[in-house]
Amino acid sequence: MHFDLTDLRLYLNILDSGNITAGAARSHLSLAAASARIRAMEASSGIEFLARNRRGVSPTPAGDALARHARVLLQQTERMQQELAEYAKGVKGQVRLLCNTTAITEYLPELLADFLHDHPNLSIDLQELPSTRITHALRQGAADLGIVSDAVDITGLQARAFRDDPLALIMPGDHPLASAQVLSFADTLSHDYVSLNANSALAVYLEEQALHAGLRMQVRIRADGFDGVMRMVARGAGLAIVPVAALERRPYEPAIKSFALHEPWGQRKLLLCARDFAVLPAYAKALLQALSHS
């Protein structure tokens, strides 16, 4: 069966008016064109939808079923057109925003709350993913905007600087490595780590860096959030790698010693990305502007 919306509207207009001539006029079609469309509908389905008589037409049982479905489809189409018109005007919408761990915990809570306060008709679908999965989702059109580490390949995407996001190695003050002057990430991998949840973007990222060094992280315990990680490190549970922003946000903790990471991947910058900034819906452009000027 091959019916389009014009066919369905015509068919309902014919039923509502009781004859093909009036239905054609209501549909702004000639009688010949309307008759041809009805014949094509019946031929493609192998079913008669209209019973013809001297007084006009009436629906067959199959025609009654078609009418029920046609009314539902046309109502849904009308609702869709109305809602899309609102999206196009930037009046209503939901922005799909994907972020890595640091962005979602350290930089975005206040920014997004202020944005939602200023745009009461908008909502945000916020998800945490590793940067490589974010770039893939953006290329596939599965999200409007993403915030990723500059360590990933952003070929095919447009990007703007968002934040500098260096990482720091932290450990208890009495840890065997605490007296070292300089440490590489590889130097630490024979020691126990406190890490984030295994599904967090930063945990995945760090474990990938360990594998690149030919080693594996020895994760002794996982915590939800940087605050929990740092509190465990302060109590001697192990080493951890956290964003400098998270470390600076926490009051000075004399039980923790921190080291700058000298590996290039530790000197991260966060990028705000999209497949094409120019073609974003109006509501996504509003969030882009808010994040770009924050």
C-alpha atoms as a PDB file:
ATOM      1  CA  MET A   1       0.000   0.000   0.000  1.00  0.00           C
ATOM      2  CA  HIS A   2       1.276   3.460  -0.912  1.00  0.00           C
ATOM      3  CA  PHE A   3      -0.891   6.198   0.609  1.00  0.00           C
ATOM      4  CA  ASP A   4       0.361   9.716   1.222  1.00  0.00           C
ATOM      5  CA  LEU A   5      -1.122  12.397   3.467  1.00  0.00           C
ATOM      6  CA  THR A   6      -2.981  13.991   0.550  1.00  0.00           C
ATOM      7  CA  ASP A   7      -4.675  10.647  -0.147  1.00  0.00           C
ATOM      8  CA  LEU A   8      -5.753  10.291   3.476  1.00  0.00           C
ATOM      9  CA  ARG A   9      -7.065  13.855   3.725  1.00  0.00           C
ATOM     10  CA  LEU A  10      -8.962  13.420   0.474  1.00  0.00           C
ATOM     11  CA  TYR A  11     -10.505  10.166   1.655  1.00  0.00           C
ATOM     12  CA  LEU A  12     -11.723  11.704   4.919  1.00  0.00           C
ATOM     13  CA  ASN A  13     -13.069  14.768   3.105  1.00  0.00           C
ATOM     14  CA  ILE A  14     -15.021  12.478   0.805  1.00  0.00           C
ATOM     15  CA  LEU A  15     -16.512  10.600   3.751  1.00  0.00           C
ATOM     16  CA  ASP A  16     -17.333  13.812   5.608  1.00  0.00           C
ATOM     17  CA  SER A  17     -19.029  15.377   2.584  1.00  0.00           C
ATOM     18  CA  GLY A  18     -20.682  12.199   1.326  1.00  0.00           C
ATOM     19  CA  ASN A  19     -19.532  12.335  -2.293  1.00  0.00           C
ATOM     20  CA  ILE A  20     -16.348  12.493  -4.320  1.00  0.00           C
ATOM     21  CA  THR A  21     -17.126  15.806  -5.997  1.00  0.00           C
ATOM     22  CA  ALA A  22     -17.512  17.705  -2.730  1.00  0.00           C
ATOM     23  CA  GLY A  23     -14.548  15.877  -1.197  1.00  0.00           C
ATOM     24  CA  ALA A  24     -12.364  16.842  -4.148  1.00  0.00           C
ATOM     25  CA  ALA A  25     -13.365  20.489  -3.836  1.00  0.00           C
ATOM     26  CA  ARG A  26     -12.653  20.476  -0.096  1.00  0.00           C
ATOM     27  CA  SER A  27      -9.215  18.984  -0.853  1.00  0.00           C
ATOM     28  CA  HIS A  28      -8.520  21.563  -3.589  1.00  0.00           C
ATOM     29  CA  LEU A  29      -8.316  18.840  -6.245  1.00  0.00           C
ATOM     30  CA  SER A  30     -10.131  18.393  -9.525  1.00  0.00           C
ATOM     31  CA  LEU A  31     -12.765  15.659  -9.702  1.00  0.00           C
ATOM     32  CA  ALA A  32     -10.607  13.699 -12.136  1.00  0.00           C
ATOM     33  CA  ALA A  33      -7.539  13.915  -9.890  1.00  0.00           C
ATOM     34  CA  ALA A  34      -9.534  12.920  -6.814  1.00  0.00           C
ATOM     35  CA  SER A  35     -11.131   9.961  -8.568  1.00  0.00           C
ATOM     36  CA  ALA A  36      -7.734   8.805  -9.819  1.00  0.00           C
ATOM     37  CA  ARG A  37      -6.276   8.943  -6.299  1.00  0.00           C
ATOM     38  CA  ILE A  38      -9.121   6.887  -4.834  1.00  0.00           C
ATOM     39  CA  ARG A  39      -8.831   4.287  -7.613  1.00  0.00           C
ATOM     40  CA  ALA A  40      -5.056   4.083  -7.013  1.00  0.00           C
ATOM     41  CA  MET A  41      -5.583   3.593  -3.271  1.00  0.00           C
ATOM     42  CA  GLU A  42      -8.011   0.756  -3.862  1.00  0.00           C
ATOM     43  CA  ALA A  43      -5.867  -0.829  -6.572  1.00  0.00           C
ATOM     44  CA  SER A  44      -2.679  -0.753  -4.491  1.00  0.00           C
ATOM     45  CA  SER A  45      -4.399  -2.419  -1.540  1.00  0.00           C
ATOM     46  CA  GLY A  46      -6.712  -4.715  -3.478  1.00  0.00           C
ATOM     47  CA  ILE A  47      -9.614  -3.523  -1.304  1.00  0.00           C
ATOM     48  CA  GLU A  48     -12.619  -1.336  -2.012  1.00  0.00           C
ATOM     49  CA  PHE A  49     -12.920   1.476   0.507  1.00  0.00           C
ATOM     50  CA  LEU A  50     -15.991   3.204  -0.899  1.00  0.00           C
ATOM     51  CA  ALA A  51     -19.382   1.797  -1.853  1.00  0.00           C
ATOM     52  CA  ARG A  52     -20.866   3.908  -4.662  1.00  0.00           C
ATOM     53  CA  ASN A  53     -24.594   4.528  -4.916  1.00  0.00           C
ATOM     54  CA  ARG A  54     -26.993   7.068  -6.371  1.00  0.00           C
ATOM     55  CA  ARG A  55     -26.805   9.253  -3.274  1.00  0.00           C
ATOM     56  CA  GLY A  56     -22.998   9.364  -3.246  1.00  0.00           C
ATOM     57  CA  VAL A  57     -20.522   7.134  -1.421  1.00  0.00           C
ATOM     58  CA  SER A  58     -20.296   5.354   1.924  1.00  0.00           C
ATOM     59  CA  PRO A  59     -17.389   3.484   3.520  1.00  0.00           C
ATOM     60  CA  THR A  60     -17.065  -0.276   3.286  1.00  0.00           C
ATOM     61  CA  PRO A  61     -15.980  -2.123   6.478  1.00  0.00           C
ATOM     62  CA  ALA A  62     -12.392  -1.800   5.226  1.00  0.00           C
ATOM     63  CA  GLY A  63     -13.093   1.872   4.522  1.00  0.00           C
ATOM     64  CA  ASP A  64     -14.227   2.376   8.113  1.00  0.00           C
ATOM     65  CA  ALA A  65     -10.932   0.888   9.343  1.00  0.00           C
ATOM     66  CA  LEU A  66      -8.955   3.115   6.976  1.00  0.00           C
ATOM     67  CA  ALA A  67     -10.846   6.177   8.215  1.00  0.00           C
ATOM     68  CA  ARG A  68     -10.017   5.416  11.876  1.00  0.00           C
ATOM     69  CA  HIS A  69      -6.322   5.039  11.162  1.00  0.00           C
ATOM     70  CA  ALA A  70      -6.261   8.023   8.814  1.00  0.00           C
ATOM     71  CA  ARG A  71      -7.737  10.323  11.468  1.00  0.00           C
ATOM     72  CA  VAL A  72      -5.166   9.212  14.034  1.00  0.00           C
ATOM     73  CA  LEU A  73      -2.279   9.651  11.595  1.00  0.00           C
ATOM     74  CA  LEU A  74      -3.406  13.096  10.484  1.00  0.00           C
ATOM     75  CA  GLN A  75      -3.911  14.239  14.084  1.00  0.00           C
ATOM     76  CA  GLN A  76      -0.410  13.051  14.998  1.00  0.00           C
ATOM     77  CA  THR A  77       1.011  14.772  11.932  1.00  0.00           C
ATOM     78  CA  GLU A  78      -0.673  18.023  12.896  1.00  0.00           C
ATOM     79  CA  ARG A  79       0.696  17.814  16.436  1.00  0.00           C
ATOM     80  CA  MET A  80       4.162  17.077  15.064  1.00  0.00           C
ATOM     81  CA  GLN A  81       4.013  20.097  12.743  1.00  0.00           C
ATOM     82  CA  GLN A  82       2.886  22.352  15.587  1.00  0.00           C
ATOM     83  CA  GLU A  83       5.654  21.148  17.888  1.00  0.00           C
ATOM     84  CA  LEU A  84       8.342  21.413  15.215  1.00  0.00           C
ATOM     85  CA  ALA A  85       7.186  24.953  14.468  1.00  0.00           C
ATOM     86  CA  GLU A  86       7.777  25.771  18.143  1.00  0.00           C
ATOM     87  CA  TYR A  87      11.239  24.210  17.998  1.00  0.00           C
ATOM     88  CA  ALA A  88      12.103  26.202  14.875  1.00  0.00           C
ATOM     89  CA  LYS A  89      11.184  29.425  16.666  1.00  0.00           C
ATOM     90  CA  GLY A  90      13.346  28.482  19.636  1.00  0.00           C
ATOM     91  CA  VAL A  91      10.277  28.606  21.864  1.00  0.00           C
ATOM     92  CA  LYS A  92      10.446  25.053  23.088  1.00  0.00           C
ATOM     93  CA  GLY A  93      12.993  22.282  22.900  1.00  0.00           C
ATOM     94  CA  GLN A  94      15.348  19.829  24.513  1.00  0.00           C
ATOM     95  CA  VAL A  95      19.090  20.114  23.960  1.00  0.00           C
ATOM     96  CA  ARG A  96      21.019  16.843  23.855  1.00  0.00           C
ATOM     97  CA  LEU A  97      24.350  17.532  25.601  1.00  0.00           C
ATOM     98  CA  LEU A  98      27.067  14.907  26.117  1.00  0.00           C
ATOM     99  CA  CYS A  99      30.003  15.585  28.454  1.00  0.00           C
ATOM    100  CA  ASN A 100      33.000  13.922  30.006  1.00  0.00           C
ATOM    101  CA  THR A 101      33.299  13.482  33.772  1.00  0.00           C
ATOM    102  CA  THR A 102      35.088  16.721  34.631  1.00  0.00           C
ATOM    103  CA  ALA A 103      32.774  18.937  32.602  1.00  0.00           C
ATOM    104  CA  ILE A 104      29.666  17.429  34.109  1.00  0.00           C
ATOM    105  CA  THR A 105      30.877  17.623  37.725  1.00  0.00           C
ATOM    106  CA  GLU A 106      33.166  20.653  37.889  1.00  0.00           C
ATOM    107  CA  TYR A 107      32.089  23.203  35.296  1.00  0.00           C
ATOM    108  CA  LEU A 108      28.487  22.697  34.249  1.00  0.00           C
ATOM    109  CA  PRO A 109      26.138  22.485  37.275  1.00  0.00           C
ATOM    110  CA  GLU A 110      25.860  26.246  37.858  1.00  0.00           C
ATOM    111  CA  LEU A 111      26.083  27.132  34.153  1.00  0.00           C
ATOM    112  CA  LEU A 112      23.269  24.780  33.200  1.00  0.00           C
ATOM    113  CA  ALA A 113      21.121  25.787  36.156  1.00  0.00           C
ATOM    114  CA  ASP A 114      21.437  29.463  35.166  1.00  0.00           C
ATOM    115  CA  PHE A 115      20.637  28.607  31.549  1.00  0.00           C
ATOM    116  CA  LEU A 116      17.490  26.698  32.521  1.00  0.00           C
ATOM    117  CA  HIS A 117      16.422  29.550  34.786  1.00  0.00           C
ATOM    118  CA  ASP A 118      16.763  32.001  31.880  1.00  0.00           C
ATOM    119  CA  HIS A 119      15.037  29.676  29.365  1.00  0.00           C
ATOM    120  CA  PRO A 120      11.968  28.238  31.113  1.00  0.00           C
ATOM    121  CA  ASN A 121      10.690  26.494  27.954  1.00  0.00           C
ATOM    122  CA  LEU A 122      13.881  24.530  27.362  1.00  0.00           C
ATOM    123  CA  SER A 123      15.210  21.336  28.905  1.00  0.00           C
ATOM    124  CA  ILE A 124      18.556  19.547  28.679  1.00  0.00           C
ATOM    125  CA  ASP A 125      19.202  15.844  28.163  1.00  0.00           C
ATOM    126  CA  LEU A 126      22.605  15.645  29.883  1.00  0.00           C
ATOM    127  CA  GLN A 127      24.656  12.446  29.705  1.00  0.00           C
ATOM    128  CA  GLU A 128      28.179  11.529  30.760  1.00  0.00           C
ATOM    129  CA  LEU A 129      30.256   9.565  28.250  1.00  0.00           C
ATOM    130  CA  PRO A 130      33.944   9.093  27.397  1.00  0.00           C
ATOM    131  CA  SER A 131      35.149  11.674  24.887  1.00  0.00           C
ATOM    132  CA  THR A 132      35.614   9.140  22.077  1.00  0.00           C
ATOM    133  CA  ARG A 133      31.993   8.017  22.385  1.00  0.00           C
ATOM    134  CA  ILE A 134      30.833  11.631  22.443  1.00  0.00           C
ATOM    135  CA  THR A 135      32.568  12.440  19.156  1.00  0.00           C
ATOM    136  CA  HIS A 136      31.067   9.325  17.581  1.00  0.00           C
ATOM    137  CA  ALA A 137      27.585  10.294  18.771  1.00  0.00           C
ATOM    138  CA  LEU A 138      27.983  13.823  17.400  1.00  0.00           C
ATOM    139  CA  ARG A 139      29.055  12.531  13.985  1.00  0.00           C
ATOM    140  CA  GLN A 140      26.021  10.223  13.940  1.00  0.00           C
ATOM    141  CA  GLY A 141      23.657  13.066  14.822  1.00  0.00           C
ATOM    142  CA  ALA A 142      22.739  11.472  18.163  1.00  0.00           C
ATOM    143  CA  ALA A 143      23.434  14.675  20.138  1.00  0.00           C
ATOM    144  CA  ASP A 144      23.408  18.423  19.573  1.00  0.00           C
ATOM    145  CA  LEU A 145      26.508  19.415  21.557  1.00  0.00           C
ATOM    146  CA  GLY A 146      29.377  17.675  23.295  1.00  0.00           C
ATOM    147  CA  ILE A 147      32.211  18.643  25.629  1.00  0.00           C
ATOM    148  CA  VAL A 148      35.291  16.491  25.093  1.00  0.00           C
ATOM    149  CA  SER A 149      38.989  16.318  25.867  1.00  0.00           C
ATOM    150  CA  ASP A 150      41.282  17.683  23.201  1.00  0.00           C
ATOM    151  CA  ALA A 151      43.110  14.336  23.267  1.00  0.00           C
ATOM    152  CA  VAL A 152      40.486  12.746  21.013  1.00  0.00           C
ATOM    153  CA  ASP A 153      40.119  12.966  17.238  1.00  0.00           C
ATOM    154  CA  ILE A 154      37.503  15.576  16.318  1.00  0.00           C
ATOM    155  CA  THR A 155      37.761  15.174  12.553  1.00  0.00           C
ATOM    156  CA  GLY A 156      34.434  16.039  10.954  1.00  0.00           C
ATOM    157  CA  LEU A 157      33.324  18.198  13.879  1.00  0.00           C
ATOM    158  CA  GLN A 158      33.494  21.888  14.683  1.00  0.00           C
ATOM    159  CA  ALA A 159      35.015  22.885  18.025  1.00  0.00           C
ATOM    160  CA  ARG A 160      35.460  25.836  20.358  1.00  0.00           C
ATOM    161  CA  ALA A 161      37.641  26.096  23.460  1.00  0.00           C
ATOM    162  CA  PHE A 162      35.668  25.558  26.669  1.00  0.00           C
ATOM    163  CA  ARG A 163      38.072  25.162  29.624  1.00  0.00           C
ATOM    164  CA  ASP A 164      41.650  24.240  30.472  1.00  0.00           C
ATOM    165  CA  ASP A 165      41.359  20.982  32.420  1.00  0.00           C
ATOM    166  CA  PRO A 166      44.756  19.697  33.650  1.00  0.00           C
ATOM    167  CA  LEU A 167      44.876  16.558  35.775  1.00  0.00           C
ATOM    168  CA  ALA A 168      46.837  16.038  38.986  1.00  0.00           C
ATOM    169  CA  LEU A 169      48.183  12.943  40.729  1.00  0.00           C
ATOM    170  CA  ILE A 170      47.295  12.885  44.426  1.00  0.00           C
ATOM    171  CA  MET A 171      48.386  10.588  47.249  1.00  0.00           C
ATOM    172  CA  PRO A 172      48.499  10.401  51.035  1.00  0.00           C
ATOM    173  CA  GLY A 173      51.295  12.473  52.532  1.00  0.00           C
ATOM    174  CA  ASP A 174      52.965   9.369  53.968  1.00  0.00           C
ATOM    175  CA  HIS A 175      52.806   7.338  50.759  1.00  0.00           C
ATOM    176  CA  PRO A 176      56.124   5.724  49.626  1.00  0.00           C
ATOM    177  CA  LEU A 177      56.070   7.883  46.475  1.00  0.00           C
ATOM    178  CA  ALA A 178      55.383  11.136  48.335  1.00  0.00           C
ATOM    179  CA  SER A 179      59.074  12.025  48.625  1.00  0.00           C
ATOM    180  CA  ALA A 180      59.678  11.835  44.871  1.00  0.00           C
ATOM    181  CA  GLN A 181      60.447  15.054  43.035  1.00  0.00           C
ATOM    182  CA  VAL A 182      58.927  14.033  39.696  1.00  0.00           C
ATOM    183  CA  LEU A 183      56.645  11.109  38.898  1.00  0.00           C
ATOM    184  CA  SER A 184      55.407   9.674  35.660  1.00  0.00           C
ATOM    185  CA  PHE A 185      52.072   7.898  35.418  1.00  0.00           C
ATOM    186  CA  ALA A 186      53.897   4.646  34.621  1.00  0.00           C
ATOM    187  CA  ASP A 187      55.901   4.985  37.875  1.00  0.00           C
ATOM    188  CA  THR A 188      52.655   4.805  39.863  1.00  0.00           C
ATOM    189  CA  LEU A 189      50.998   1.807  38.250  1.00  0.00           C
ATOM    190  CA  SER A 190      52.501  -0.742  40.638  1.00  0.00           C
ATOM    191  CA  HIS A 191      50.602   0.990  43.473  1.00  0.00           C
ATOM    192  CA  ASP A 192      46.955   0.860  44.503  1.00  0.00           C
ATOM    193  CA  TYR A 193      44.527   3.424  43.117  1.00  0.00           C
ATOM    194  CA  VAL A 194      41.253   4.938  44.212  1.00  0.00           C
ATOM    195  CA  SER A 195      39.174   5.460  41.092  1.00  0.00           C
ATOM    196  CA  LEU A 196      35.810   6.688  39.984  1.00  0.00           C
ATOM    197  CA  ASN A 197      32.978   4.352  39.031  1.00  0.00           C
ATOM    198  CA  ALA A 198      34.065   2.037  36.216  1.00  0.00           C
ATOM    199  CA  ASN A 199      31.524   3.594  33.863  1.00  0.00           C
ATOM    200  CA  SER A 200      32.722   7.164  34.371  1.00  0.00           C
ATOM    201  CA  ALA A 201      34.408   8.834  31.443  1.00  0.00           C
ATOM    202  CA  LEU A 202      37.578   9.723  33.389  1.00  0.00           C
ATOM    203  CA  ALA A 203      37.990   6.198  34.787  1.00  0.00           C
ATOM    204  CA  VAL A 204      37.785   4.770  31.274  1.00  0.00           C
ATOM    205  CA  TYR A 205      40.221   7.398  30.016  1.00  0.00           C
ATOM    206  CA  LEU A 206      42.826   6.658  32.717  1.00  0.00           C
ATOM    207  CA  GLU A 207      42.611   2.925  32.214  1.00  0.00           C
ATOM    208  CA  GLU A 208      43.202   3.472  28.500  1.00  0.00           C
ATOM    209  CA  GLN A 209      46.338   5.509  29.295  1.00  0.00           C
ATOM    210  CA  ALA A 210      47.624   2.701  31.522  1.00  0.00           C
ATOM    211  CA  LEU A 211      47.130   0.200  28.703  1.00  0.00           C
ATOM    212  CA  HIS A 212      49.018   2.508  26.344  1.00  0.00           C
ATOM    213  CA  ALA A 213      51.903   2.288  28.826  1.00  0.00           C
ATOM    214  CA  GLY A 214      51.688  -1.514  28.695  1.00  0.00           C
ATOM    215  CA  LEU A 215      50.355  -1.787  32.250  1.00  0.00           C
ATOM    216  CA  ARG A 216      47.073  -1.897  34.139  1.00  0.00           C
ATOM    217  CA  MET A 217      45.774   0.234  36.979  1.00  0.00           C
ATOM    218  CA  GLN A 218      45.425  -1.552  40.295  1.00  0.00           C
ATOM    219  CA  VAL A 219      42.086  -0.185  41.425  1.00  0.00           C
ATOM    220  CA  ARG A 220      41.515  -0.988  45.088  1.00  0.00           C
ATOM    221  CA  ILE A 221      38.190   0.826  45.460  1.00  0.00           C
ATOM    222  CA  ARG A 222      35.869   2.999  43.402  1.00  0.00           C
ATOM    223  CA  ALA A 223      33.931   6.058  44.540  1.00  0.00           C
ATOM    224  CA  ASP A 224      31.105   8.119  43.089  1.00  0.00           C
ATOM    225  CA  GLY A 225      32.524  11.581  42.591  1.00  0.00           C
ATOM    226  CA  PHE A 226      35.823  13.376  43.076  1.00  0.00           C
ATOM    227  CA  ASP A 227      35.033  14.414  46.631  1.00  0.00           C
ATOM    228  CA  GLY A 228      34.721  10.775  47.700  1.00  0.00           C
ATOM    229  CA  VAL A 229      37.937   9.890  45.871  1.00  0.00           C
ATOM    230  CA  MET A 230      39.904  12.659  47.595  1.00  0.00           C
ATOM    231  CA  ARG A 231      38.532  11.825  51.030  1.00  0.00           C
ATOM    232  CA  MET A 232      39.636   8.205  50.588  1.00  0.00           C
ATOM    233  CA  VAL A 233      43.075   9.275  49.396  1.00  0.00           C
ATOM    234  CA  ALA A 234      43.427  11.532  52.456  1.00  0.00           C
ATOM    235  CA  ARG A 235      42.736   8.485  54.637  1.00  0.00           C
ATOM    236  CA  GLY A 236      45.429   6.410  52.972  1.00  0.00           C
ATOM    237  CA  ALA A 237      43.388   4.233  50.578  1.00  0.00           C
ATOM    238  CA  GLY A 238      45.703   4.813  47.625  1.00  0.00           C
ATOM    239  CA  LEU A 239      46.638   7.130  44.773  1.00  0.00           C
ATOM    240  CA  ALA A 240      44.217   8.933  42.493  1.00  0.00           C
ATOM    241  CA  ILE A 241      44.161  11.217  39.474  1.00  0.00           C
ATOM    242  CA  VAL A 242      41.687  14.070  39.608  1.00  0.00           C
ATOM    243  CA  PRO A 243      41.162  17.343  37.762  1.00  0.00           C
ATOM    244  CA  VAL A 244      43.047  20.279  39.235  1.00  0.00           C
ATOM    245  CA  ALA A 245      39.684  22.086  39.295  1.00  0.00           C
ATOM    246  CA  ALA A 246      38.286  19.479  41.706  1.00  0.00           C
ATOM    247  CA  LEU A 247      41.380  19.683  43.892  1.00  0.00           C
ATOM    248  CA  GLU A 248      41.204  23.475  44.059  1.00  0.00           C
ATOM    249  CA  ARG A 249      37.511  23.408  44.918  1.00  0.00           C
ATOM    250  CA  ARG A 250      38.163  21.295  48.024  1.00  0.00           C
ATOM    251  CA  PRO A 251      39.494  23.071  51.128  1.00  0.00           C
ATOM    252  CA  TYR A 252      43.222  22.581  51.662  1.00  0.00           C
ATOM    253  CA  GLU A 253      43.867  19.039  52.829  1.00  0.00           C
ATOM    254  CA  PRO A 254      47.307  18.636  54.496  1.00  0.00           C
ATOM    255  CA  ALA A 255      46.979  14.848  54.364  1.00  0.00           C
ATOM    256  CA  ILE A 256      47.091  14.933  50.529  1.00  0.00           C
ATOM    257  CA  LYS A 257      50.146  15.587  48.403  1.00  0.00           C
ATOM    258  CA  SER A 258      49.643  16.463  44.755  1.00  0.00           C
ATOM    259  CA  PHE A 259      51.883  16.234  41.695  1.00  0.00           C
ATOM    260  CA  ALA A 260      51.415  17.799  38.285  1.00  0.00           C
ATOM    261  CA  LEU A 261      51.105  15.275  35.476  1.00  0.00           C
ATOM    262  CA  HIS A 262      53.701  15.929  32.794  1.00  0.00           C
ATOM    263  CA  GLU A 263      52.301  13.527  30.214  1.00  0.00           C
ATOM    264  CA  PRO A 264      50.666  15.416  27.338  1.00  0.00           C
ATOM    265  CA  TRP A 265      47.337  13.683  27.972  1.00  0.00           C
ATOM    266  CA  GLY A 266      47.341  15.115  31.512  1.00  0.00           C
ATOM    267  CA  GLN A 267      47.443  18.699  30.222  1.00  0.00           C
ATOM    268  CA  ARG A 268      43.938  18.490  28.894  1.00  0.00           C
ATOM    269  CA  LYS A 269      41.775  21.166  27.390  1.00  0.00           C
ATOM    270  CA  LEU A 270      38.039  20.750  27.062  1.00  0.00           C
ATOM    271  CA  LEU A 271      36.396  21.519  23.737  1.00  0.00           C
ATOM    272  CA  LEU A 272      32.788  22.362  22.970  1.00  0.00           C
ATOM    273  CA  CYS A 273      31.872  20.453  19.799  1.00  0.00           C
ATOM    274  CA  ALA A 274      29.065  19.972  17.304  1.00  0.00           C
ATOM    275  CA  ARG A 275      28.746  18.538  13.853  1.00  0.00           C
ATOM    276  CA  ASP A 276      27.962  22.017  12.516  1.00  0.00           C
ATOM    277  CA  PHE A 277      27.312  24.982  14.800  1.00  0.00           C
ATOM    278  CA  ALA A 278      25.515  26.886  12.033  1.00  0.00           C
ATOM    279  CA  VAL A 279      22.732  24.335  11.568  1.00  0.00           C
ATOM    280  CA  LEU A 280      21.940  23.689  15.227  1.00  0.00           C
ATOM    281  CA  PRO A 281      18.297  24.248  16.229  1.00  0.00           C
ATOM    282  CA  ALA A 282      17.642  27.631  17.822  1.00  0.00           C
ATOM    283  CA  TYR A 283      17.383  26.181  21.323  1.00  0.00           C
ATOM    284  CA  ALA A 284      20.745  24.388  20.959  1.00  0.00           C
ATOM    285  CA  LYS A 285      22.317  27.593  19.645  1.00  0.00           C
ATOM    286  CA  ALA A 286      21.068  29.355  22.779  1.00  0.00           C
ATOM    287  CA  LEU A 287      22.934  26.855  24.969  1.00  0.00           C
ATOM    288  CA  LEU A 288      25.997  27.063  22.718  1.00  0.00           C
ATOM    289  CA  GLN A 289      26.077  30.820  23.203  1.00  0.00           C
ATOM    290  CA  ALA A 290      25.679  30.490  26.966  1.00  0.00           C
ATOM    291  CA  LEU A 291      28.542  27.999  27.229  1.00  0.00           C
ATOM    292  CA  SER A 292      30.778  29.909  24.803  1.00  0.00           C
ATOM    293  CA  HIS A 293      30.579  33.101  26.851  1.00  0.00           C
ATOM    294  CA  SER A 294      30.796  31.545  30.310  1.00  0.00           C
END
